[in-house]
Amino acid sequence: MNKKEFVEILAKKLDLSKNKCESVLSEIKSTIVDALKKGEEVSLKNFGKFKIVERKSRKCINPITKKHYYSKPKKVTRFEGYGEFKYIFN
């Protein structure tokens, strides 16, 4: 499912216009991104938690030259699902 399909389903279920649903979805995303940029975790009850974690450097290999190198450590966004999200594949 892509964003367009998601907005269409949400609009039908909530009986709202597609534009309004898309703007709400956009605001939710920007609010989460702003909080993560400040270093805060975003925890939504019965949904999940968004947080920033630091990925350690690791040994890699260039497939063309076959030379080994170490990647730089970097910060990435991690999502941990709660409730139904956690048990989808179990």
N, C-alpha and C. Protein backbone atom coordinates (compact mmCIF):
# COMPACT_ATOMS: atom_id res chain seq x y z
N MET A 1 0.84 -1.17 0.00
CA MET A 1 0.00 0.00 0.00
C MET A 1 0.89 1.24 0.00
N ASN A 2 0.59 2.15 -0.88
CA ASN A 2 1.35 3.40 -0.92
C ASN A 2 0.55 4.52 -0.24
N LYS A 3 1.13 5.71 -0.21
CA LYS A 3 0.51 6.83 0.49
C LYS A 3 -0.85 7.19 -0.09
N LYS A 4 -0.96 7.19 -1.41
CA LYS A 4 -2.21 7.55 -2.06
C LYS A 4 -3.34 6.59 -1.67
N GLU A 5 -3.04 5.29 -1.71
CA GLU A 5 -4.04 4.29 -1.33
C GLU A 5 -4.41 4.42 0.15
N PHE A 6 -3.41 4.67 0.99
CA PHE A 6 -3.65 4.83 2.41
C PHE A 6 -4.58 6.01 2.68
N VAL A 7 -4.33 7.13 2.02
CA VAL A 7 -5.16 8.33 2.19
C VAL A 7 -6.59 8.06 1.72
N GLU A 8 -6.75 7.34 0.62
CA GLU A 8 -8.09 7.02 0.11
C GLU A 8 -8.88 6.18 1.12
N ILE A 9 -8.24 5.17 1.69
CA ILE A 9 -8.91 4.31 2.68
C ILE A 9 -9.26 5.11 3.92
N LEU A 10 -8.33 5.93 4.37
CA LEU A 10 -8.55 6.76 5.56
C LEU A 10 -9.70 7.74 5.32
N ALA A 11 -9.76 8.33 4.14
CA ALA A 11 -10.82 9.28 3.81
C ALA A 11 -12.19 8.60 3.83
N LYS A 12 -12.26 7.39 3.30
CA LYS A 12 -13.53 6.65 3.30
C LYS A 12 -13.96 6.29 4.71
N LYS A 13 -13.02 5.81 5.53
CA LYS A 13 -13.36 5.39 6.88
C LYS A 13 -13.77 6.56 7.77
N LEU A 14 -13.14 7.71 7.59
CA LEU A 14 -13.43 8.87 8.44
C LEU A 14 -14.44 9.83 7.82
N ASP A 15 -14.86 9.55 6.59
CA ASP A 15 -15.79 10.39 5.85
C ASP A 15 -15.28 11.83 5.76
N LEU A 16 -14.01 11.95 5.35
CA LEU A 16 -13.37 13.25 5.15
C LEU A 16 -12.85 13.33 3.73
N SER A 17 -12.47 14.52 3.31
CA SER A 17 -11.91 14.68 1.98
C SER A 17 -10.47 14.12 1.95
N LYS A 18 -10.04 13.75 0.77
CA LYS A 18 -8.68 13.21 0.61
C LYS A 18 -7.64 14.28 0.95
N ASN A 19 -7.91 15.52 0.57
CA ASN A 19 -6.97 16.61 0.86
C ASN A 19 -6.79 16.81 2.37
N LYS A 20 -7.88 16.75 3.10
CA LYS A 20 -7.82 16.93 4.55
C LYS A 20 -7.04 15.78 5.19
N CYS A 21 -7.31 14.55 4.76
CA CYS A 21 -6.59 13.39 5.30
C CYS A 21 -5.10 13.47 4.98
N GLU A 22 -4.78 13.90 3.78
CA GLU A 22 -3.37 14.01 3.40
C GLU A 22 -2.66 15.09 4.21
N SER A 23 -3.35 16.20 4.48
CA SER A 23 -2.72 17.25 5.28
C SER A 23 -2.55 16.81 6.74
N VAL A 24 -3.49 16.04 7.28
CA VAL A 24 -3.36 15.52 8.64
C VAL A 24 -2.19 14.54 8.71
N LEU A 25 -2.08 13.67 7.73
CA LEU A 25 -0.98 12.72 7.68
C LEU A 25 0.37 13.44 7.58
N SER A 26 0.41 14.49 6.79
CA SER A 26 1.63 15.28 6.63
C SER A 26 2.01 15.96 7.94
N GLU A 27 1.03 16.49 8.66
CA GLU A 27 1.30 17.14 9.96
C GLU A 27 1.79 16.15 11.00
N ILE A 28 1.22 14.95 10.99
CA ILE A 28 1.68 13.91 11.92
C ILE A 28 3.14 13.58 11.65
N LYS A 29 3.46 13.41 10.37
CA LYS A 29 4.85 13.09 10.01
C LYS A 29 5.80 14.20 10.40
N SER A 30 5.44 15.46 10.12
CA SER A 30 6.33 16.56 10.43
C SER A 30 6.50 16.74 11.94
N THR A 31 5.46 16.47 12.71
CA THR A 31 5.55 16.55 14.17
C THR A 31 6.50 15.49 14.71
N ILE A 32 6.41 14.28 14.19
CA ILE A 32 7.31 13.20 14.62
C ILE A 32 8.75 13.54 14.24
N VAL A 33 8.96 14.02 13.02
CA VAL A 33 10.31 14.37 12.56
C VAL A 33 10.90 15.49 13.41
N ASP A 34 10.11 16.51 13.73
CA ASP A 34 10.59 17.61 14.56
C ASP A 34 11.01 17.12 15.94
N ALA A 35 10.22 16.24 16.53
CA ALA A 35 10.55 15.71 17.86
C ALA A 35 11.83 14.88 17.80
N LEU A 36 11.99 14.08 16.75
CA LEU A 36 13.20 13.26 16.62
C LEU A 36 14.44 14.13 16.41
N LYS A 37 14.29 15.23 15.68
CA LYS A 37 15.42 16.14 15.47
C LYS A 37 15.87 16.77 16.79
N LYS A 38 14.93 16.97 17.71
CA LYS A 38 15.27 17.52 19.02
C LYS A 38 15.87 16.46 19.95
N GLY A 39 15.90 15.20 19.51
CA GLY A 39 16.45 14.13 20.32
C GLY A 39 15.43 13.45 21.21
N GLU A 40 14.16 13.75 21.03
CA GLU A 40 13.11 13.15 21.84
C GLU A 40 12.61 11.86 21.20
N GLU A 41 12.11 10.95 22.03
CA GLU A 41 11.44 9.76 21.54
C GLU A 41 9.95 10.08 21.41
N VAL A 42 9.29 9.48 20.43
CA VAL A 42 7.86 9.66 20.27
C VAL A 42 7.20 8.31 20.53
N SER A 43 6.44 8.23 21.60
CA SER A 43 5.79 6.98 22.00
C SER A 43 4.28 7.17 21.93
N LEU A 44 3.62 6.38 21.10
CA LEU A 44 2.18 6.46 20.93
C LEU A 44 1.55 5.17 21.45
N LYS A 45 0.74 5.28 22.48
CA LYS A 45 0.14 4.12 23.13
C LYS A 45 -0.61 3.26 22.11
N ASN A 46 -0.44 1.96 22.19
CA ASN A 46 -1.05 0.96 21.31
C ASN A 46 -0.67 1.13 19.84
N PHE A 47 0.39 1.86 19.56
CA PHE A 47 0.88 2.02 18.19
C PHE A 47 2.34 1.66 18.11
N GLY A 48 3.21 2.49 18.71
CA GLY A 48 4.63 2.20 18.67
C GLY A 48 5.47 3.36 19.13
N LYS A 49 6.78 3.16 19.04
CA LYS A 49 7.72 4.18 19.49
C LYS A 49 8.73 4.45 18.39
N PHE A 50 8.92 5.74 18.10
CA PHE A 50 9.94 6.18 17.16
C PHE A 50 11.10 6.72 17.98
N LYS A 51 12.33 6.34 17.63
CA LYS A 51 13.49 6.85 18.34
C LYS A 51 14.70 6.87 17.41
N ILE A 52 15.70 7.67 17.81
CA ILE A 52 16.95 7.75 17.07
C ILE A 52 17.98 6.88 17.78
N VAL A 53 18.64 6.01 17.04
CA VAL A 53 19.71 5.19 17.60
C VAL A 53 20.96 5.39 16.76
N GLU A 54 22.12 5.18 17.37
CA GLU A 54 23.36 5.32 16.63
C GLU A 54 23.81 3.95 16.16
N ARG A 55 24.01 3.84 14.86
CA ARG A 55 24.52 2.61 14.27
C ARG A 55 26.04 2.66 14.33
N LYS A 56 26.64 1.62 14.86
CA LYS A 56 28.10 1.57 15.00
C LYS A 56 28.75 1.43 13.63
N SER A 57 30.05 1.75 13.57
CA SER A 57 30.77 1.53 12.32
C SER A 57 30.94 0.03 12.13
N ARG A 58 31.02 -0.40 10.90
CA ARG A 58 31.16 -1.82 10.63
C ARG A 58 32.08 -2.05 9.45
N LYS A 59 32.61 -3.24 9.39
CA LYS A 59 33.54 -3.58 8.33
C LYS A 59 32.75 -3.89 7.06
N CYS A 60 33.13 -3.26 5.96
CA CYS A 60 32.45 -3.44 4.68
C CYS A 60 33.48 -3.82 3.62
N ILE A 61 32.98 -4.21 2.45
CA ILE A 61 33.86 -4.52 1.34
C ILE A 61 33.30 -3.89 0.07
N ASN A 62 34.19 -3.28 -0.71
CA ASN A 62 33.80 -2.71 -1.99
C ASN A 62 33.72 -3.87 -2.98
N PRO A 63 32.55 -4.14 -3.58
CA PRO A 63 32.42 -5.31 -4.47
C PRO A 63 33.25 -5.21 -5.74
N ILE A 64 33.60 -4.01 -6.15
CA ILE A 64 34.37 -3.85 -7.38
C ILE A 64 35.86 -4.04 -7.13
N THR A 65 36.38 -3.32 -6.13
CA THR A 65 37.82 -3.37 -5.86
C THR A 65 38.20 -4.44 -4.85
N LYS A 66 37.22 -5.01 -4.16
CA LYS A 66 37.43 -6.03 -3.12
C LYS A 66 38.22 -5.50 -1.93
N LYS A 67 38.30 -4.18 -1.79
CA LYS A 67 39.01 -3.60 -0.65
C LYS A 67 38.07 -3.46 0.54
N HIS A 68 38.62 -3.69 1.73
CA HIS A 68 37.86 -3.56 2.96
C HIS A 68 37.95 -2.13 3.47
N TYR A 69 36.88 -1.69 4.09
CA TYR A 69 36.86 -0.37 4.72
C TYR A 69 35.85 -0.40 5.85
N TYR A 70 35.89 0.62 6.69
CA TYR A 70 34.94 0.73 7.79
C TYR A 70 33.96 1.85 7.50
N SER A 71 32.69 1.56 7.63
CA SER A 71 31.67 2.60 7.44
C SER A 71 31.67 3.53 8.64
N LYS A 72 31.20 4.74 8.45
CA LYS A 72 31.13 5.71 9.53
C LYS A 72 29.93 5.40 10.42
N PRO A 73 30.05 5.65 11.70
CA PRO A 73 28.86 5.50 12.55
C PRO A 73 27.85 6.58 12.18
N LYS A 74 26.56 6.25 12.25
CA LYS A 74 25.54 7.24 11.91
C LYS A 74 24.28 7.02 12.73
N LYS A 75 23.47 8.04 12.79
CA LYS A 75 22.21 7.97 13.52
C LYS A 75 21.09 7.61 12.54
N VAL A 76 20.24 6.68 12.97
CA VAL A 76 19.12 6.24 12.13
C VAL A 76 17.84 6.22 12.96
N THR A 77 16.72 6.30 12.29
CA THR A 77 15.43 6.24 12.96
C THR A 77 15.02 4.78 13.12
N ARG A 78 14.51 4.46 14.28
CA ARG A 78 14.06 3.09 14.54
C ARG A 78 12.61 3.16 15.02
N PHE A 79 11.78 2.22 14.55
CA PHE A 79 10.39 2.13 14.98
C PHE A 79 10.20 0.79 15.66
N GLU A 80 9.63 0.83 16.86
CA GLU A 80 9.32 -0.39 17.60
C GLU A 80 7.81 -0.44 17.77
N GLY A 81 7.18 -1.43 17.17
CA GLY A 81 5.73 -1.53 17.22
C GLY A 81 5.23 -2.07 18.54
N TYR A 82 4.06 -1.59 18.96
CA TYR A 82 3.39 -2.07 20.17
C TYR A 82 2.14 -2.84 19.76
N GLY A 83 1.60 -3.56 20.70
CA GLY A 83 0.29 -4.21 20.52
C GLY A 83 0.22 -5.07 19.28
N GLU A 84 -0.73 -4.78 18.40
CA GLU A 84 -0.97 -5.58 17.20
C GLU A 84 0.21 -5.55 16.24
N PHE A 85 0.94 -4.43 16.17
CA PHE A 85 2.10 -4.35 15.28
C PHE A 85 3.17 -5.37 15.68
N LYS A 86 3.32 -5.58 16.96
CA LYS A 86 4.36 -6.45 17.46
C LYS A 86 4.12 -7.91 17.10
N TYR A 87 2.85 -8.30 17.00
CA TYR A 87 2.52 -9.71 16.81
C TYR A 87 1.95 -10.05 15.44
N ILE A 88 2.19 -9.22 14.44
CA ILE A 88 1.65 -9.47 13.11
C ILE A 88 2.18 -10.78 12.52
N PHE A 89 3.46 -11.04 12.66
CA PHE A 89 4.06 -12.19 12.00
C PHE A 89 4.30 -13.37 12.92
N ASN A 90 3.81 -13.31 14.14
CA ASN A 90 4.02 -14.44 15.08
C ASN A 90 2.84 -15.36 15.07
